[in-house]
N, C-alpha and C. Protein backbone atom coordinates (compact mmCIF):
# COMPACT_ATOMS: atom_id res chain seq x y z
N MET A 1 105.74 42.42 54.92
CA MET A 1 106.63 43.62 54.92
C MET A 1 107.12 43.74 56.19
N SER A 2 108.10 43.41 56.57
CA SER A 2 108.40 44.05 58.50
C SER A 2 108.98 45.29 58.43
N ASP A 3 108.86 45.82 59.37
CA ASP A 3 108.94 47.19 60.13
C ASP A 3 107.97 48.10 58.67
N CYS A 4 106.66 47.81 59.32
CA CYS A 4 105.72 48.16 58.20
C CYS A 4 104.44 49.05 59.35
N VAL A 5 103.98 50.06 58.75
CA VAL A 5 102.95 50.54 59.33
C VAL A 5 101.23 50.41 58.71
N THR A 6 100.56 50.32 59.34
CA THR A 6 99.08 50.52 58.58
C THR A 6 98.83 51.91 58.74
N LEU A 7 98.43 52.52 57.30
CA LEU A 7 97.97 53.65 57.17
C LEU A 7 96.84 54.15 56.57
N CYS A 8 95.67 54.87 57.17
CA CYS A 8 94.23 55.23 56.52
C CYS A 8 94.37 56.46 55.90
N GLY A 9 93.92 56.44 54.53
CA GLY A 9 93.27 57.82 54.16
C GLY A 9 91.87 57.53 53.71
N PHE A 10 91.38 59.20 53.73
CA PHE A 10 90.38 59.62 53.24
C PHE A 10 89.87 60.34 52.32
N GLY A 11 88.97 59.89 51.12
CA GLY A 11 88.81 60.81 49.96
C GLY A 11 87.06 61.03 49.73
N TYR A 12 87.06 62.11 49.03
CA TYR A 12 85.47 62.72 48.81
C TYR A 12 85.80 63.04 47.34
N ASP A 13 84.65 63.38 46.68
CA ASP A 13 84.57 63.75 45.32
C ASP A 13 82.77 63.65 45.27
N ILE A 14 82.81 64.57 44.38
CA ILE A 14 81.39 65.24 44.15
C ILE A 14 81.35 66.22 42.30
N HIS A 15 80.54 65.54 41.93
CA HIS A 15 80.36 65.72 40.65
C HIS A 15 78.81 66.37 40.35
N ARG A 16 78.45 67.28 39.45
CA ARG A 16 76.98 67.67 38.80
C ARG A 16 77.04 66.87 37.72
N PHE A 17 75.78 66.62 37.44
CA PHE A 17 75.58 65.95 36.14
C PHE A 17 75.65 66.78 34.97
N SER A 18 76.10 66.28 33.89
CA SER A 18 76.54 67.02 32.56
C SER A 18 75.22 67.82 32.18
N VAL A 19 75.44 68.81 31.37
CA VAL A 19 74.16 69.08 30.52
C VAL A 19 74.10 68.52 29.31
N GLU A 20 75.25 68.09 28.91
CA GLU A 20 75.73 67.89 27.37
C GLU A 20 75.39 66.01 28.15
N PRO A 21 74.78 65.22 26.80
CA PRO A 21 74.91 63.74 27.02
C PRO A 21 76.53 63.55 26.98
N ARG A 22 76.53 62.72 27.93
CA ARG A 22 77.87 61.76 28.07
C ARG A 22 77.85 60.70 28.98
N PRO A 23 78.29 59.67 28.73
CA PRO A 23 78.31 58.38 29.57
C PRO A 23 78.41 58.50 30.72
N LEU A 24 77.92 57.96 32.01
CA LEU A 24 78.21 57.81 33.14
C LEU A 24 79.13 56.69 33.95
N TYR A 25 80.06 56.90 34.53
CA TYR A 25 81.06 55.72 34.84
C TYR A 25 81.08 56.23 36.24
N LEU A 26 81.02 54.84 36.84
CA LEU A 26 81.25 55.02 38.70
C LEU A 26 81.58 53.56 38.89
N GLY A 27 83.13 53.53 39.63
CA GLY A 27 83.60 52.77 39.49
C GLY A 27 84.37 51.82 38.47
N GLY A 28 84.58 52.77 37.50
CA GLY A 28 85.16 52.26 36.06
C GLY A 28 84.21 51.33 35.30
N VAL A 29 82.63 51.23 35.56
CA VAL A 29 82.13 50.78 34.92
C VAL A 29 81.03 51.64 34.32
N ARG A 30 81.10 51.68 33.09
CA ARG A 30 79.73 52.28 32.20
C ARG A 30 78.21 52.29 33.06
N ILE A 31 77.48 52.82 33.58
CA ILE A 31 76.43 52.94 33.54
C ILE A 31 75.07 53.24 32.87
N SER A 32 75.53 54.45 32.31
CA SER A 32 74.36 55.19 31.13
C SER A 32 75.63 55.76 30.11
N GLU A 33 74.62 55.75 28.90
CA GLU A 33 75.21 56.18 27.93
C GLU A 33 75.18 57.87 27.55
N THR A 34 74.06 58.34 28.40
CA THR A 34 73.56 59.65 28.34
C THR A 34 73.58 60.41 29.22
N ASN A 35 73.44 60.10 30.49
CA ASN A 35 73.54 60.44 32.37
C ASN A 35 74.68 60.84 32.62
N GLY A 36 75.96 61.36 32.11
CA GLY A 36 76.55 61.31 32.57
C GLY A 36 77.33 62.49 33.80
N LEU A 37 78.34 62.55 34.24
CA LEU A 37 78.55 63.40 35.43
C LEU A 37 79.83 64.63 34.22
N ASP A 38 79.48 65.72 34.71
CA ASP A 38 80.51 66.67 34.22
C ASP A 38 81.93 66.82 35.05
N GLY A 39 82.91 66.85 34.24
CA GLY A 39 84.32 66.87 34.53
C GLY A 39 85.38 66.80 33.69
N HIS A 40 86.35 67.01 33.95
CA HIS A 40 87.71 67.23 32.94
C HIS A 40 88.17 65.53 32.58
N SER A 41 87.76 64.48 33.66
CA SER A 41 88.15 63.22 33.01
C SER A 41 87.12 62.36 32.78
N ASP A 42 86.72 61.21 32.94
CA ASP A 42 85.39 60.84 32.67
C ASP A 42 84.53 61.03 33.59
N ALA A 43 84.98 61.60 34.85
CA ALA A 43 84.26 62.07 36.11
C ALA A 43 83.86 61.14 37.00
N ASP A 44 84.31 60.43 36.88
CA ASP A 44 83.89 58.90 37.80
C ASP A 44 84.10 59.21 39.32
N VAL A 45 83.26 59.71 39.74
CA VAL A 45 83.59 60.43 41.26
C VAL A 45 83.63 59.14 42.02
N LEU A 46 83.85 57.56 42.31
CA LEU A 46 84.21 56.93 43.28
C LEU A 46 85.36 56.51 42.66
N CYS A 47 85.78 56.44 41.81
CA CYS A 47 87.76 56.15 41.34
C CYS A 47 88.40 57.37 42.04
N HIS A 48 87.93 58.82 41.96
CA HIS A 48 88.41 60.18 42.23
C HIS A 48 88.27 59.65 43.72
N ALA A 49 87.48 59.46 44.38
CA ALA A 49 87.26 59.03 45.97
C ALA A 49 88.43 58.27 46.47
N ILE A 50 88.35 57.37 45.71
CA ILE A 50 89.09 55.92 46.30
C ILE A 50 90.64 56.52 45.70
N ALA A 51 90.92 57.35 44.69
CA ALA A 51 92.08 57.79 44.29
C ALA A 51 93.02 58.46 45.41
N ASP A 52 91.90 59.25 45.84
CA ASP A 52 92.59 60.61 47.10
C ASP A 52 92.37 59.74 48.32
N ALA A 53 91.70 58.77 48.53
CA ALA A 53 91.95 58.01 49.72
C ALA A 53 93.09 56.87 49.69
N VAL A 54 93.55 56.32 48.79
CA VAL A 54 94.94 55.93 48.70
C VAL A 54 95.75 56.57 48.70
N LEU A 55 96.21 58.13 48.20
CA LEU A 55 96.89 58.82 47.93
C LEU A 55 97.39 59.73 49.63
N GLY A 56 96.19 59.78 50.03
CA GLY A 56 96.29 60.37 51.16
C GLY A 56 96.73 59.33 52.64
N ALA A 57 96.48 57.96 52.16
CA ALA A 57 97.19 57.12 53.35
C ALA A 57 98.65 57.38 53.16
N ALA A 58 99.17 57.56 52.09
CA ALA A 58 100.60 57.11 51.64
C ALA A 58 100.90 58.99 51.86
N GLY A 59 99.95 59.65 52.34
CA GLY A 59 100.90 61.12 52.64
C GLY A 59 100.82 61.78 51.53
N LEU A 60 100.41 61.21 50.27
CA LEU A 60 100.70 61.69 48.68
C LEU A 60 99.67 63.31 48.61
N PRO A 61 100.17 63.91 47.62
CA PRO A 61 99.40 64.95 47.41
C PRO A 61 97.87 64.41 46.81
N ASP A 62 97.09 65.06 46.60
CA ASP A 62 95.79 64.51 45.76
C ASP A 62 95.65 64.38 44.36
N ILE A 63 94.35 63.82 43.93
CA ILE A 63 94.78 63.64 42.51
C ILE A 63 94.83 64.77 41.58
N GLY A 64 94.36 65.95 42.28
CA GLY A 64 94.44 67.42 41.63
C GLY A 64 95.79 67.80 41.33
N TYR A 65 97.09 66.98 41.88
CA TYR A 65 98.55 67.36 42.12
C TYR A 65 98.79 66.97 40.50
N TRP A 66 98.26 65.80 40.51
CA TRP A 66 98.80 64.45 39.69
C TRP A 66 98.09 64.79 38.13
N PHE A 67 97.25 64.98 37.95
CA PHE A 67 96.08 65.16 37.04
C PHE A 67 95.51 66.33 37.06
N PRO A 68 95.84 67.65 37.07
CA PRO A 68 95.35 68.95 37.19
C PRO A 68 94.45 69.30 36.16
N PRO A 69 93.44 69.34 36.45
CA PRO A 69 91.84 69.83 35.61
C PRO A 69 92.17 70.38 34.28
N GLY A 70 93.46 71.50 34.16
CA GLY A 70 94.15 72.07 33.01
C GLY A 70 94.84 71.62 31.90
N ASP A 71 95.00 70.20 32.26
CA ASP A 71 96.17 69.35 31.62
C ASP A 71 95.10 68.49 30.48
N ALA A 72 95.52 68.98 29.11
CA ALA A 72 94.96 68.65 28.04
C ALA A 72 95.08 67.02 27.88
N GLY A 73 96.12 66.55 28.48
CA GLY A 73 96.57 64.98 28.78
C GLY A 73 95.71 64.33 29.34
N CYS A 74 94.95 65.07 30.49
CA CYS A 74 94.14 64.26 31.22
C CYS A 74 92.65 64.12 30.71
N ALA A 75 92.48 65.17 29.57
CA ALA A 75 91.01 65.55 29.06
C ALA A 75 90.30 63.92 28.70
N GLY A 76 89.33 63.54 29.25
CA GLY A 76 88.36 62.38 28.81
C GLY A 76 88.95 61.10 29.38
N ILE A 77 90.21 61.25 29.94
CA ILE A 77 90.85 59.52 30.37
C ILE A 77 89.79 58.84 31.72
N SER A 78 90.37 57.53 31.45
CA SER A 78 89.47 56.74 32.34
C SER A 78 90.01 57.01 33.63
N SER A 79 89.23 57.32 34.64
CA SER A 79 89.66 57.09 36.03
C SER A 79 90.29 55.90 36.75
N LEU A 80 89.77 54.96 36.04
CA LEU A 80 90.40 53.74 36.47
C LEU A 80 92.26 54.09 36.20
N LEU A 81 92.60 54.68 35.40
CA LEU A 81 94.02 54.88 35.37
C LEU A 81 94.40 55.91 36.44
N ILE A 82 93.64 57.07 36.83
CA ILE A 82 93.99 57.70 38.08
C ILE A 82 93.92 56.66 39.14
N VAL A 83 93.35 55.98 39.21
CA VAL A 83 93.19 55.06 41.00
C VAL A 83 94.79 54.29 40.48
N ALA A 84 94.90 53.59 39.09
CA ALA A 84 96.09 52.86 38.86
C ALA A 84 97.19 53.66 39.36
N ARG A 85 97.28 54.88 38.95
CA ARG A 85 98.19 55.86 39.14
C ARG A 85 98.88 56.14 40.40
N ALA A 86 97.70 56.07 41.14
CA ALA A 86 97.72 56.10 42.93
C ALA A 86 98.52 54.83 43.42
N VAL A 87 97.82 54.02 42.88
CA VAL A 87 98.53 52.57 43.52
C VAL A 87 100.10 52.62 43.13
N GLU A 88 100.17 52.82 42.02
CA GLU A 88 101.74 52.62 41.48
C GLU A 88 102.57 53.88 42.08
N LEU A 89 102.12 54.97 42.88
CA LEU A 89 102.87 56.02 43.68
C LEU A 89 102.83 55.34 45.08
N VAL A 90 102.12 54.29 45.43
CA VAL A 90 101.88 53.95 46.79
C VAL A 90 103.42 53.04 46.74
N GLU A 91 102.93 52.00 45.43
CA GLU A 91 104.02 50.85 45.58
C GLU A 91 105.62 51.43 44.99
N GLU A 92 105.86 52.39 44.59
CA GLU A 92 106.93 53.04 44.62
C GLU A 92 107.28 53.44 45.73
N GLN A 93 106.72 54.04 46.83
CA GLN A 93 107.44 53.97 48.11
C GLN A 93 107.25 52.98 48.75
N GLY A 94 107.14 51.39 48.23
CA GLY A 94 107.48 49.83 48.84
C GLY A 94 106.18 49.73 49.59
N GLY A 95 105.20 50.47 49.49
CA GLY A 95 103.96 50.15 50.05
C GLY A 95 102.91 49.23 49.33
N ARG A 96 101.66 48.92 50.19
CA ARG A 96 100.54 48.30 49.21
C ARG A 96 99.18 48.53 49.80
N VAL A 97 98.05 48.66 48.79
CA VAL A 97 97.05 49.06 49.25
C VAL A 97 96.58 47.51 49.88
N ILE A 98 95.76 47.85 50.93
CA ILE A 98 95.32 46.57 51.92
C ILE A 98 93.49 46.30 51.48
N ASN A 99 92.81 47.47 51.79
CA ASN A 99 91.88 47.44 51.54
C ASN A 99 91.22 48.68 51.22
N VAL A 100 89.86 48.62 50.50
CA VAL A 100 89.22 50.42 50.14
C VAL A 100 87.72 49.69 50.41
N ASP A 101 87.05 50.75 51.02
CA ASP A 101 85.67 51.15 51.17
C ASP A 101 85.01 52.23 51.35
N ALA A 102 84.03 52.19 50.17
CA ALA A 102 83.59 53.47 49.46
C ALA A 102 82.16 53.89 49.62
N SER A 103 81.52 54.61 49.47
CA SER A 103 80.33 54.70 49.22
C SER A 103 79.61 56.20 48.49
N LEU A 104 78.79 55.63 47.52
CA LEU A 104 78.23 56.61 46.39
C LEU A 104 76.99 57.34 47.18
N ILE A 105 76.85 58.35 46.89
CA ILE A 105 75.66 59.01 47.37
C ILE A 105 74.89 59.84 46.29
N ALA A 106 73.79 59.32 45.79
CA ALA A 106 73.27 59.77 44.72
C ALA A 106 71.49 59.32 44.86
N GLU A 107 70.77 59.67 44.35
CA GLU A 107 69.43 59.46 44.45
C GLU A 107 68.94 58.69 43.34
N ALA A 108 69.79 58.59 42.03
CA ALA A 108 69.75 57.89 40.94
C ALA A 108 71.31 57.96 40.27
N PRO A 109 71.55 56.89 39.42
CA PRO A 109 70.65 55.49 39.32
C PRO A 109 71.03 54.67 40.37
N LYS A 110 70.40 53.46 40.56
CA LYS A 110 70.19 52.40 41.30
C LYS A 110 71.64 51.78 40.86
N ILE A 111 72.37 51.52 41.86
CA ILE A 111 73.87 51.17 42.26
C ILE A 111 74.17 49.77 42.11
N MET A 112 73.39 49.25 42.95
CA MET A 112 73.50 47.80 43.34
C MET A 112 73.86 47.04 42.26
N PRO A 113 72.91 47.12 40.93
CA PRO A 113 73.07 45.82 40.19
C PRO A 113 74.54 46.08 39.30
N HIS A 114 75.42 47.17 39.93
CA HIS A 114 76.52 47.54 39.28
C HIS A 114 77.98 47.25 39.93
N VAL A 115 77.33 46.52 41.10
CA VAL A 115 78.59 46.60 42.26
C VAL A 115 79.34 45.44 42.20
N PRO A 116 79.11 44.21 41.57
CA PRO A 116 80.12 43.03 41.23
C PRO A 116 80.99 43.84 40.40
N ALA A 117 80.50 44.23 39.22
CA ALA A 117 81.28 44.74 37.91
C ALA A 117 82.33 45.82 38.32
N MET A 118 82.16 46.99 39.44
CA MET A 118 82.73 47.83 40.10
C MET A 118 83.92 47.02 40.50
N LYS A 119 83.37 45.87 41.81
CA LYS A 119 84.50 45.47 42.45
C LYS A 119 85.32 44.85 41.45
N ASP A 120 84.82 44.04 40.49
CA ASP A 120 86.07 43.42 39.59
C ASP A 120 87.06 44.59 39.07
N ALA A 121 86.34 45.97 38.81
CA ALA A 121 87.43 46.83 37.56
C ALA A 121 88.41 47.35 38.86
N LEU A 122 87.78 47.70 40.36
CA LEU A 122 88.71 48.56 41.21
C LEU A 122 89.79 47.26 41.52
N SER A 123 89.10 45.94 41.87
CA SER A 123 90.34 45.11 42.72
C SER A 123 91.37 44.97 41.70
N ALA A 124 91.19 45.26 40.18
CA ALA A 124 92.44 44.85 39.40
C ALA A 124 93.35 46.09 39.49
N VAL A 125 92.93 47.38 39.32
CA VAL A 125 93.85 48.25 39.81
C VAL A 125 94.41 48.80 40.98
N LEU A 126 93.70 47.96 41.76
CA LEU A 126 94.04 48.22 43.50
C LEU A 126 94.75 47.17 43.55
N HIS A 127 95.36 45.99 43.28
CA HIS A 127 96.01 44.97 43.24
C HIS A 127 95.40 44.39 44.47
N VAL A 128 94.56 43.81 44.75
CA VAL A 128 93.66 43.31 46.08
C VAL A 128 92.65 42.29 45.47
N SER A 129 92.32 41.81 46.09
CA SER A 129 90.95 40.63 46.07
C SER A 129 89.72 41.58 46.10
N GLY A 130 88.90 41.18 45.23
CA GLY A 130 87.37 42.14 45.62
C GLY A 130 86.69 41.94 46.87
N ARG A 131 87.06 40.89 47.96
CA ARG A 131 86.53 40.77 49.01
C ARG A 131 87.12 42.13 49.72
N ARG A 132 88.54 42.43 49.53
CA ARG A 132 88.72 44.11 49.93
C ARG A 132 88.41 45.35 49.21
N VAL A 133 87.33 44.82 48.68
CA VAL A 133 86.82 46.26 47.85
C VAL A 133 85.35 46.45 48.51
N GLY A 134 84.58 47.61 49.50
CA GLY A 134 83.56 47.60 49.39
C GLY A 134 82.63 48.74 49.08
N ILE A 135 82.07 48.36 48.38
CA ILE A 135 80.94 49.36 47.42
C ILE A 135 79.57 49.16 48.43
N LYS A 136 79.16 50.58 48.74
CA LYS A 136 77.86 50.79 49.08
C LYS A 136 77.23 52.18 48.55
N ALA A 137 75.66 51.85 48.38
CA ALA A 137 75.35 53.24 48.37
C ALA A 137 74.47 53.88 48.91
N THR A 138 74.15 55.00 48.45
CA THR A 138 72.89 55.48 49.69
C THR A 138 72.25 56.88 49.20
N THR A 139 71.08 56.99 49.35
CA THR A 139 70.65 58.65 49.42
C THR A 139 70.89 59.58 49.76
N ASN A 140 70.27 60.66 49.32
CA ASN A 140 70.27 61.80 50.54
C ASN A 140 69.30 62.39 50.57
N GLU A 141 68.46 61.34 50.72
CA GLU A 141 66.85 61.98 51.21
C GLU A 141 66.13 62.93 50.55
N LYS A 142 66.41 62.85 49.47
CA LYS A 142 65.71 64.21 48.89
C LYS A 142 66.37 65.32 49.49
N LEU A 143 67.55 65.58 50.24
CA LEU A 143 67.76 67.03 50.93
C LEU A 143 69.06 67.25 49.81
N GLY A 144 68.98 68.51 49.65
CA GLY A 144 70.13 69.42 48.85
C GLY A 144 70.52 69.18 47.43
N ALA A 145 71.20 69.44 47.20
CA ALA A 145 71.83 69.23 45.86
C ALA A 145 71.62 67.76 45.42
N LEU A 146 72.19 66.86 46.25
CA LEU A 146 72.25 65.55 45.85
C LEU A 146 70.63 64.88 45.86
N GLY A 147 69.99 65.35 46.93
CA GLY A 147 69.04 65.08 46.71
C GLY A 147 68.04 65.62 45.88
N ARG A 148 68.40 66.78 44.91
CA ARG A 148 67.59 67.11 43.68
C ARG A 148 67.66 66.39 43.00
N ARG A 149 68.72 65.01 42.46
CA ARG A 149 69.43 64.78 41.55
C ARG A 149 70.17 65.67 40.83
N GLU A 150 70.94 66.60 41.27
CA GLU A 150 71.63 67.40 40.70
C GLU A 150 73.23 67.00 40.25
N GLY A 151 73.86 65.60 41.02
CA GLY A 151 74.95 65.16 41.08
C GLY A 151 75.09 64.21 41.85
N ILE A 152 76.49 63.30 41.75
CA ILE A 152 76.59 62.37 42.39
C ILE A 152 78.04 62.57 43.51
N ALA A 153 77.86 61.88 44.73
CA ALA A 153 79.09 62.36 45.50
C ALA A 153 79.72 61.09 45.85
N ALA A 154 80.96 60.75 46.46
CA ALA A 154 81.65 59.28 46.68
C ALA A 154 82.21 59.72 47.94
N MET A 155 82.42 59.00 48.93
CA MET A 155 83.37 58.55 50.20
C MET A 155 83.95 57.71 49.91
N ALA A 156 85.28 57.63 50.22
CA ALA A 156 86.02 56.47 50.31
C ALA A 156 87.28 56.19 51.42
N VAL A 157 87.57 55.59 52.13
CA VAL A 157 88.47 55.28 53.03
C VAL A 157 89.43 54.26 52.54
N ALA A 158 90.62 54.09 52.42
CA ALA A 158 91.86 53.35 51.87
C ALA A 158 92.68 53.07 53.14
N SER A 159 92.87 51.60 53.55
CA SER A 159 94.08 51.07 54.03
C SER A 159 95.34 50.70 53.24
N VAL A 160 96.32 51.27 53.70
CA VAL A 160 97.55 51.08 52.94
C VAL A 160 98.65 50.51 53.77
N LEU A 161 99.61 49.74 53.64
CA LEU A 161 100.67 49.01 54.11
C LEU A 161 102.10 49.75 53.83
N MET A 162 102.50 50.62 54.81
CA MET A 162 103.67 51.48 54.31
C MET A 162 105.09 51.14 55.16
N PRO A 163 106.17 50.78 54.45
CA PRO A 163 107.44 50.95 55.28
C PRO A 163 107.37 52.24 56.39
N GLU A 164 108.20 51.93 57.50
CA GLU A 164 108.18 52.75 58.71
C GLU A 164 108.65 54.21 58.41
């Protein structure tokens, strides 16, 4: 791509755990059958943070604009579809995702056993090699709502190559 610039975007999301039993999805992977997060879609905080980072890098509105919480058509959808739509919007402008780096903040569950599957799922919708998808996890050292295991948060940075 000639006459292009590399742009970076940042995304953040947080969801509380659901009081009702529902599956937990992180990075497009089903982690648990009953300890899910509360949200309009499947509440995958990692996908939401990544989608916002991709959209932000291209100067586009956030996922709430494209997938409004009150839209019945978005209820329960896979957040991988949200990431895929963010990538599609970037590609419609002549851009492409270069890489994504993300961190989950949670006391539980253990994330590392699921990282390879998350990287596979995300790299497919981001249209990048799995080597271009970084996923890390940390705790909140038992501080605040996340430390009390009330929810999970995620942060992500995306690099996107866009026409000048």
